[in-house]
Every structure is written in structure tokens, then in C-alpha cells.
Amino acid sequence: MLAAGGAAFAVGGGSAAAGGDPWTGSPLKIIPIPEQVPAREGYAPVPGGRLWYWDTGGRGTPIILMHPGSGSGEVWPYQQPYFAKAGHRVIGFSMRGAYKSSAPDPANPGTGADDLHSLVQYLGIGKFHLVGVAYGGGVALDYALTREERLLSLSISGSLTSVTNQDYVDMLRRLRPAGFNDMPASFIELGPSYRALNPEGMAAWTEIHDRASTSDVGQPYLTKPTWADVERLRVPTLLLWGDGDLYSPPSVQRVMASHFRNVETVVASESGHAPQWERSDIYNPVLRRFLRKHSR
């Protein structure tokens, strides 16, 4: 067990962390958005459209970042310079229907997992680390279920995923009462501590959110997995959650962790649905240690 900066780290089978105090160990800090490192921007072709991406380049082990449904390839300003300076090739992109990427064709929208694979092939990437938050985490799991051999590791934060077991689906419905989706996006996505203490950060997040979605057409998942499908995965997996996530609290993380063979779990204190934005002081070093263990 590793306790680090308000995060409780537990290894193996979704077991609970012992020792340390993830709830009070690290008060929320106001962290300015850092200066970005140079990155090449471009468009990758997908069937019937194109994906906008950015790529820091270099020969380091690649990391591909999958954004939440409320965002786009712009939501990673805290990770882009951090992981590039740590020696990684860092890649972010907008899924179809998000900032600068094509809208899905209603008659043939494709899937996020297949689009990701088109990007991987276009950029000439072999094996890589895949990191997803919220909806991006669901697409990342979708990719792992169909192309696990391409992954060095899988990291998911706050995602509901597309698991179809009825008791799990019923639990998720109980978390979102009538009117939930009518609340302001910043209230749903960002934790209360962040909203209370960091109005500038909240405004920057909202600006990205407000220009992120460019289409009402969504993409279906490629798979409709059950827990039995998840249990067959062997890829090293990190589940990094916020303790104040309204969509997907740590109880969902524990259920999910119990079905992964090779899993580490982290709960970041004073964080909502966007730990990569709200708690980069926890998210980045924990993820970096995890990636370092599984890079080659």
C-alpha cells in the first residue's frame, strides 16, 4: 500500500487500501494551468471524417489521453507538459462530435474505439498506455476489450463504462435522479471544494466545456460487455477516482475493481468527476508511477 498526497493506493483485485487517510491527507490546492510544451497538431482520417489531435512527439513511450463527454482534446493542460517532461510521447485528441473533429454521420457514426485505432495506425504507434476519464474511460475499456494486445496499461477515472449487468445498471440509475442532467455541467462534473476555492479554474474548465460539443449525434460503444468479459482482461489497470464524484463515487470504483485481474485503485481527496483537472497534484504523480512500472 502506498499513501501519497491524499491518494490511497491499493494493489490487486480491487482490495481496499489500508492505512493512510485519503479523505484528509491532502487539502485541495489552487494550481495554475502550466505552460504547454510544443506539440504538433493535425487531423487523422477516420471512415467518413477526421479527428483533430495534438502530439508532443519524441521517442518516449506513447500515452494517449481520452477525454470525457463534457470535454475535448483541450482538457489535458495539466498533463501535457508534465508527462512530456517525464519523457513520454503525449497524444490527445477530440473524439467525433467534439472540438475541431468531424461530427458523426447519423447513418454511420462509427465507434470511439475504432476511431482510436484509426488514430493509432495513422500515427504509426505500436504499444501504448491508454488513459481515459468518464466517457473516455468507457471508450478506453471498449478498446481494451477488443485490442488488448496493443496496450501497455489501461487507466480509467470516474467512468460508468458500458457494462451491461442489470444490477450494475440499476445501481447507476439510482445515482442520477430525475433532473440530474438539467443541473449546470460544472456542478455535476467538478467537486464542491474545487468550485468553492478555484473560480478561475472553474471558468477555464467551463470555457473548454462550452465549445467542446459540436454535434448532437453520439457514437455507440463497440461492445456490450458483462463483468465476465472484463474479468478476462490481463492488462495492468489503474482506477483513479475522485471522492466527490456525483456520477461515479468510490463505491462504483470498488465494484469495478473487483472484476479486474490486475488492478490498482486510487481515491483522490476533494475531487469530483474530473481528477485530472481538479487534482493534478495527485493524478499526475500517481499515474506517472503506474506508467513507469508498465513501460517497456
Protein backbone atom coordinates (compact mmCIF):
# COMPACT_ATOMS: atom_id res chain seq x y z
CA MET A 1 0.00 0.00 0.00
CA LEU A 2 1.22 3.45 -0.89
CA ALA A 3 -0.30 6.61 0.56
CA ALA A 4 0.66 9.66 -1.46
CA GLY A 5 -0.67 13.18 -1.28
CA GLY A 6 -4.24 12.40 -0.38
CA ALA A 7 -4.45 9.29 -2.52
CA ALA A 8 -4.87 5.77 -1.21
CA PHE A 9 -3.15 3.19 -3.40
CA ALA A 10 -4.30 -0.43 -3.23
CA VAL A 11 -2.87 -3.19 -5.38
CA GLY A 12 -4.61 -6.29 -6.66
CA GLY A 13 -8.20 -7.37 -7.16
CA GLY A 14 -9.79 -4.14 -6.07
CA SER A 15 -8.83 -4.65 -2.42
CA ALA A 16 -9.36 -1.72 -0.10
CA ALA A 17 -6.43 0.42 0.92
CA ALA A 18 -5.20 0.02 4.46
CA GLY A 19 -3.54 2.83 6.37
CA GLY A 20 -3.28 6.47 5.39
CA ASP A 21 -6.19 8.85 5.18
CA PRO A 22 -7.30 9.70 1.63
CA TRP A 23 -10.07 11.97 2.92
CA THR A 24 -7.97 14.48 4.88
CA GLY A 25 -4.37 13.79 3.90
CA SER A 26 -4.08 16.48 1.24
CA PRO A 27 -6.21 19.63 1.15
CA LEU A 28 -7.11 20.97 -2.27
CA LYS A 29 -4.52 23.33 -3.71
CA ILE A 30 -5.08 26.03 -6.30
CA ILE A 31 -2.84 25.03 -9.20
CA PRO A 32 -2.47 27.42 -12.17
CA ILE A 33 -2.60 25.90 -15.63
CA PRO A 34 1.05 25.33 -16.61
CA GLU A 35 2.75 26.46 -19.79
CA GLN A 36 2.39 23.84 -22.51
CA VAL A 37 5.32 22.22 -24.30
CA PRO A 38 5.46 22.41 -28.12
CA ALA A 39 3.14 19.93 -29.80
CA ARG A 40 2.28 19.21 -33.40
CA GLU A 41 -1.40 19.47 -34.32
CA GLY A 42 -3.06 17.65 -37.17
CA TYR A 43 -6.02 15.68 -38.45
CA ALA A 44 -6.21 11.90 -38.64
CA PRO A 45 -8.58 10.33 -41.16
CA VAL A 46 -11.37 8.06 -39.95
CA PRO A 47 -14.11 6.49 -42.10
CA GLY A 48 -16.32 9.39 -43.11
CA GLY A 49 -14.48 12.07 -41.16
CA ARG A 50 -11.34 13.18 -39.34
CA LEU A 51 -10.04 13.58 -35.80
CA TRP A 52 -8.18 16.63 -34.55
CA TYR A 53 -5.17 15.66 -32.43
CA TRP A 54 -2.07 17.07 -30.82
CA ASP A 55 1.18 15.15 -30.32
CA THR A 56 4.25 16.17 -28.31
CA GLY A 57 6.33 13.71 -30.33
CA GLY A 58 9.63 12.20 -29.31
CA ARG A 59 10.74 8.62 -28.79
CA GLY A 60 9.25 8.15 -25.34
CA THR A 61 6.61 5.56 -24.56
CA PRO A 62 3.33 6.88 -26.00
CA ILE A 63 0.37 7.88 -23.84
CA ILE A 64 -2.99 8.50 -25.50
CA LEU A 65 -5.50 10.57 -23.50
CA MET A 66 -9.26 10.02 -23.94
CA HIS A 67 -11.39 12.99 -22.91
CA PRO A 68 -14.74 12.94 -21.06
CA GLY A 69 -18.02 13.50 -22.88
CA SER A 70 -18.16 17.01 -21.42
CA GLY A 71 -14.82 17.96 -22.95
CA SER A 72 -12.46 17.57 -25.88
CA GLY A 73 -8.78 17.20 -26.61
CA GLU A 74 -8.32 20.50 -24.79
CA VAL A 75 -8.97 19.10 -21.28
CA TRP A 76 -5.38 17.96 -20.63
CA PRO A 77 -3.32 21.14 -19.99
CA TYR A 78 -2.11 19.79 -16.64
CA GLN A 79 -0.95 16.50 -18.16
CA GLN A 80 0.54 17.62 -21.49
CA PRO A 81 3.72 19.26 -20.15
CA TYR A 82 4.03 17.03 -17.09
CA PHE A 83 4.22 13.74 -18.95
CA ALA A 84 6.17 15.16 -21.89
CA LYS A 85 8.85 16.40 -19.48
CA ALA A 86 8.80 12.95 -17.86
CA GLY A 87 9.93 11.53 -21.21
CA HIS A 88 6.66 10.32 -22.69
CA ARG A 89 5.20 10.99 -26.11
CA VAL A 90 1.84 12.51 -25.13
CA ILE A 91 -1.13 12.49 -27.50
CA GLY A 92 -4.59 13.96 -27.03
CA PHE A 93 -7.44 14.22 -29.49
CA SER A 94 -11.09 15.12 -29.83
CA MET A 95 -13.50 12.30 -30.47
CA ARG A 96 -16.02 12.74 -33.25
CA GLY A 97 -18.56 15.43 -32.41
CA ALA A 98 -16.08 17.31 -30.21
CA TYR A 99 -13.92 20.41 -30.73
CA LYS A 100 -12.30 20.54 -34.20
CA SER A 101 -13.16 16.91 -35.09
CA SER A 102 -15.83 15.83 -37.57
CA ALA A 103 -19.38 15.21 -36.44
CA PRO A 104 -20.55 11.59 -36.62
CA ASP A 105 -22.73 10.66 -39.57
CA PRO A 106 -26.15 9.76 -38.11
CA ALA A 107 -26.44 6.89 -40.59
CA ASN A 108 -22.95 5.54 -39.85
CA PRO A 109 -21.49 7.14 -36.71
CA GLY A 110 -18.73 4.61 -36.17
CA THR A 111 -17.39 3.89 -32.69
CA GLY A 112 -14.91 5.66 -30.49
CA ALA A 113 -12.80 2.51 -30.14
CA ASP A 114 -12.49 2.04 -33.90
CA ASP A 115 -11.70 5.74 -34.35
CA LEU A 116 -8.97 5.46 -31.71
CA HIS A 117 -7.46 2.54 -33.61
CA SER A 118 -7.52 4.58 -36.82
CA LEU A 119 -5.57 7.32 -34.99
CA VAL A 120 -3.08 4.79 -33.61
CA GLN A 121 -2.46 3.38 -37.08
CA TYR A 122 -2.21 6.83 -38.65
CA LEU A 123 0.43 7.90 -36.12
CA GLY A 124 2.36 4.64 -36.51
CA ILE A 125 2.11 3.71 -32.84
CA GLY A 126 2.78 0.18 -31.63
CA LYS A 127 2.05 -0.46 -27.98
CA PHE A 128 0.95 2.42 -25.79
CA HIS A 129 -0.60 3.48 -22.49
CA LEU A 130 -4.30 4.35 -22.73
CA VAL A 131 -5.79 6.86 -20.28
CA GLY A 132 -9.48 7.78 -20.18
CA VAL A 133 -11.72 9.92 -17.99
CA ALA A 134 -15.51 9.45 -17.73
CA TYR A 135 -16.90 8.67 -21.22
CA GLY A 136 -13.32 8.49 -22.46
CA GLY A 137 -12.72 5.78 -19.88
CA GLY A 138 -15.64 3.81 -21.29
CA VAL A 139 -14.18 4.07 -24.80
CA ALA A 140 -10.79 3.07 -23.41
CA LEU A 141 -12.31 -0.06 -21.84
CA ASP A 142 -14.08 -0.76 -25.15
CA TYR A 143 -10.70 -0.61 -26.89
CA ALA A 144 -9.07 -2.86 -24.29
CA LEU A 145 -11.80 -5.48 -24.73
CA THR A 146 -11.16 -5.68 -28.47
CA ARG A 147 -7.45 -4.83 -28.89
CA GLU A 148 -5.83 -5.59 -25.55
CA GLU A 149 -2.62 -6.70 -27.26
CA ARG A 150 -1.88 -3.07 -28.21
CA LEU A 151 -1.93 -1.80 -24.62
CA LEU A 152 0.87 -1.48 -22.09
CA SER A 153 -1.64 -0.31 -19.50
CA LEU A 154 -5.16 0.99 -19.05
CA SER A 155 -6.11 3.88 -16.75
CA ILE A 156 -9.73 4.88 -16.09
CA SER A 157 -11.18 7.67 -13.95
CA GLY A 158 -14.82 8.19 -12.96
CA SER A 159 -16.25 6.16 -15.82
CA LEU A 160 -19.56 4.35 -15.81
CA THR A 161 -18.33 2.26 -18.80
CA SER A 162 -20.75 0.19 -20.87
CA VAL A 163 -21.02 -2.89 -18.64
CA THR A 164 -24.49 -4.35 -19.06
CA ASN A 165 -25.06 -6.45 -15.92
CA GLN A 166 -28.52 -5.45 -14.69
CA ASP A 167 -27.64 -4.96 -11.01
CA TYR A 168 -24.84 -2.60 -12.04
CA VAL A 169 -27.08 -0.67 -14.45
CA ASP A 170 -29.72 -0.34 -11.70
CA MET A 171 -27.11 0.99 -9.26
CA LEU A 172 -26.02 3.67 -11.72
CA ARG A 173 -29.60 4.77 -12.28
CA ARG A 174 -30.06 5.28 -8.55
CA LEU A 175 -27.15 7.72 -8.60
CA ARG A 176 -28.82 10.05 -11.11
CA PRO A 177 -32.34 11.10 -10.04
CA ALA A 178 -34.78 12.95 -12.26
CA GLY A 179 -33.41 16.39 -13.13
CA PHE A 180 -29.77 15.37 -12.60
CA ASN A 181 -28.75 16.14 -16.18
CA ASP A 182 -30.52 19.50 -16.03
CA MET A 183 -28.05 20.82 -13.47
CA PRO A 184 -25.15 23.02 -14.65
CA ALA A 185 -22.30 20.97 -16.09
CA SER A 186 -19.78 22.49 -13.68
CA PHE A 187 -21.94 21.40 -10.71
CA ILE A 188 -22.21 17.84 -12.00
CA GLU A 189 -18.58 17.49 -13.07
CA LEU A 190 -16.47 19.50 -10.61
CA GLY A 191 -16.27 18.76 -6.90
CA PRO A 192 -17.59 21.22 -4.30
CA SER A 193 -14.16 22.03 -2.89
CA TYR A 194 -12.89 22.97 -6.33
CA ARG A 195 -15.92 25.13 -7.11
CA ALA A 196 -15.61 26.85 -3.73
CA LEU A 197 -11.89 27.60 -3.89
CA ASN A 198 -10.97 27.99 -7.55
CA PRO A 199 -13.36 30.21 -9.56
CA GLU A 200 -10.66 30.91 -12.15
CA GLY A 201 -10.10 27.21 -12.74
CA MET A 202 -13.83 26.63 -12.89
CA ALA A 203 -14.17 29.37 -15.52
CA ALA A 204 -11.36 27.86 -17.61
CA TRP A 205 -12.96 24.40 -17.40
CA THR A 206 -16.35 25.87 -18.37
CA GLU A 207 -14.86 27.66 -21.37
CA ILE A 208 -13.49 24.37 -22.70
CA HIS A 209 -16.78 22.61 -21.94
CA ASP A 210 -18.88 25.23 -23.71
CA ARG A 211 -17.04 24.86 -27.02
CA ALA A 212 -16.43 21.11 -26.77
CA SER A 213 -19.60 19.61 -28.23
CA THR A 214 -20.26 20.31 -31.90
CA SER A 215 -22.91 17.66 -32.64
CA ASP A 216 -25.98 16.04 -31.09
CA VAL A 217 -25.11 12.72 -32.74
CA GLY A 218 -23.32 10.28 -30.46
CA GLN A 219 -21.29 7.16 -31.13
CA PRO A 220 -22.28 3.77 -29.71
CA TYR A 221 -19.83 1.56 -27.91
CA LEU A 222 -18.24 -1.20 -29.94
CA THR A 223 -19.02 -3.83 -27.28
CA LYS A 224 -21.76 -4.54 -24.75
CA PRO A 225 -19.65 -6.28 -22.12
CA THR A 226 -20.59 -8.13 -18.98
CA TRP A 227 -18.35 -8.44 -15.95
CA ALA A 228 -17.29 -11.84 -17.28
CA ASP A 229 -15.75 -10.07 -20.29
CA VAL A 230 -13.92 -7.59 -18.05
CA GLU A 231 -12.59 -10.46 -15.92
CA ARG A 232 -10.75 -11.88 -18.93
CA LEU A 233 -8.59 -8.77 -19.30
CA ARG A 234 -4.99 -9.07 -18.15
CA VAL A 235 -3.75 -5.57 -18.99
CA PRO A 236 -2.45 -3.67 -15.91
CA THR A 237 -5.25 -1.31 -14.92
CA LEU A 238 -5.38 1.80 -12.73
CA LEU A 239 -8.74 3.07 -11.45
CA LEU A 240 -8.21 6.63 -10.20
CA TRP A 241 -11.37 8.17 -8.74
CA GLY A 242 -12.46 11.40 -7.04
CA ASP A 243 -14.06 11.05 -3.62
CA GLY A 244 -16.77 13.61 -4.50
CA ASP A 245 -17.73 12.25 -7.93
CA LEU A 246 -21.52 12.60 -8.34
CA TYR A 247 -21.63 10.43 -11.45
CA SER A 248 -19.42 7.65 -10.18
CA PRO A 249 -18.47 7.69 -6.48
CA PRO A 250 -15.82 5.39 -4.99
CA SER A 251 -18.48 2.72 -4.40
CA VAL A 252 -18.69 2.30 -8.19
CA GLN A 253 -14.90 2.11 -8.36
CA ARG A 254 -14.87 -0.72 -5.80
CA VAL A 255 -17.44 -2.72 -7.74
CA MET A 256 -15.47 -2.23 -10.93
CA ALA A 257 -12.13 -3.07 -9.31
CA SER A 258 -13.44 -6.41 -8.08
CA HIS A 259 -13.74 -7.58 -11.70
CA PHE A 260 -10.27 -6.67 -12.99
CA ARG A 261 -7.50 -9.27 -12.70
CA ASN A 262 -4.59 -6.84 -12.48
CA VAL A 263 -5.78 -3.61 -10.84
CA GLU A 264 -4.62 -0.76 -8.65
CA THR A 265 -7.10 1.68 -7.12
CA VAL A 266 -6.69 5.28 -6.03
CA VAL A 267 -9.13 7.71 -4.41
CA ALA A 268 -8.18 11.38 -4.70
CA SER A 269 -9.46 13.57 -1.88
CA GLU A 270 -11.55 16.70 -2.51
CA SER A 271 -12.14 15.84 -6.16
CA GLY A 272 -15.20 15.38 -8.32
CA HIS A 273 -15.63 13.81 -11.75
CA ALA A 274 -12.52 15.42 -13.27
CA PRO A 275 -9.50 14.45 -11.13
CA GLN A 276 -7.09 15.16 -13.98
CA TRP A 277 -8.24 18.80 -13.84
CA GLU A 278 -9.06 19.28 -10.16
CA ARG A 279 -6.24 17.29 -8.50
CA SER A 280 -3.31 17.18 -10.89
CA ASP A 281 -1.10 17.20 -7.78
CA ILE A 282 -2.46 13.70 -7.06
CA TYR A 283 -3.43 12.50 -10.52
CA ASN A 284 -0.14 13.17 -12.28
CA PRO A 285 2.39 11.60 -9.88
CA VAL A 286 0.19 8.57 -9.19
CA LEU A 287 -0.33 7.97 -12.90
CA ARG A 288 3.35 8.56 -13.63
CA ARG A 289 4.42 5.90 -11.11
CA PHE A 290 1.90 3.47 -12.55
CA LEU A 291 3.06 4.07 -16.14
CA ARG A 292 6.69 3.73 -15.17
CA LYS A 293 6.04 0.25 -13.80
CA HIS A 294 4.45 -0.87 -17.04
CA SER A 295 6.57 0.86 -19.70
CA ARG A 296 9.00 -1.04 -21.86
